[in-house]
């Protein structure tokens, strides 16, 4: 777990986009806040956008992209199709996160 936090911390501390050799590249904005040992979803992205890409939702929920598609298919996440692209409504992601906090 500490290795994952260290990688996220390096990505957050390097806003210019300079990547050290061996560091994975992120095409998305960082969506995690690091507070000591805990990693939280960054709620700012949920306030700025109405629709999210499956990759962004996967990063917020810390699941795979295919699991995000599965959550859409079973009706847990509300989505719209624009052409052939799936976009997930941020309201449904917020709702899912709030429900998981209650448990």
Foldseek 3Di string as FASTA:
>chain_A
DVVVVVLLVVVVVDVVQDDDPPRDHDPDDQQWDDDPPDTAGRCPVLVPDQWAALVVLCNRVVHDSVVSVVCCVVPQWPWDQDPNGIITGSVSSVVVVVVVVVD
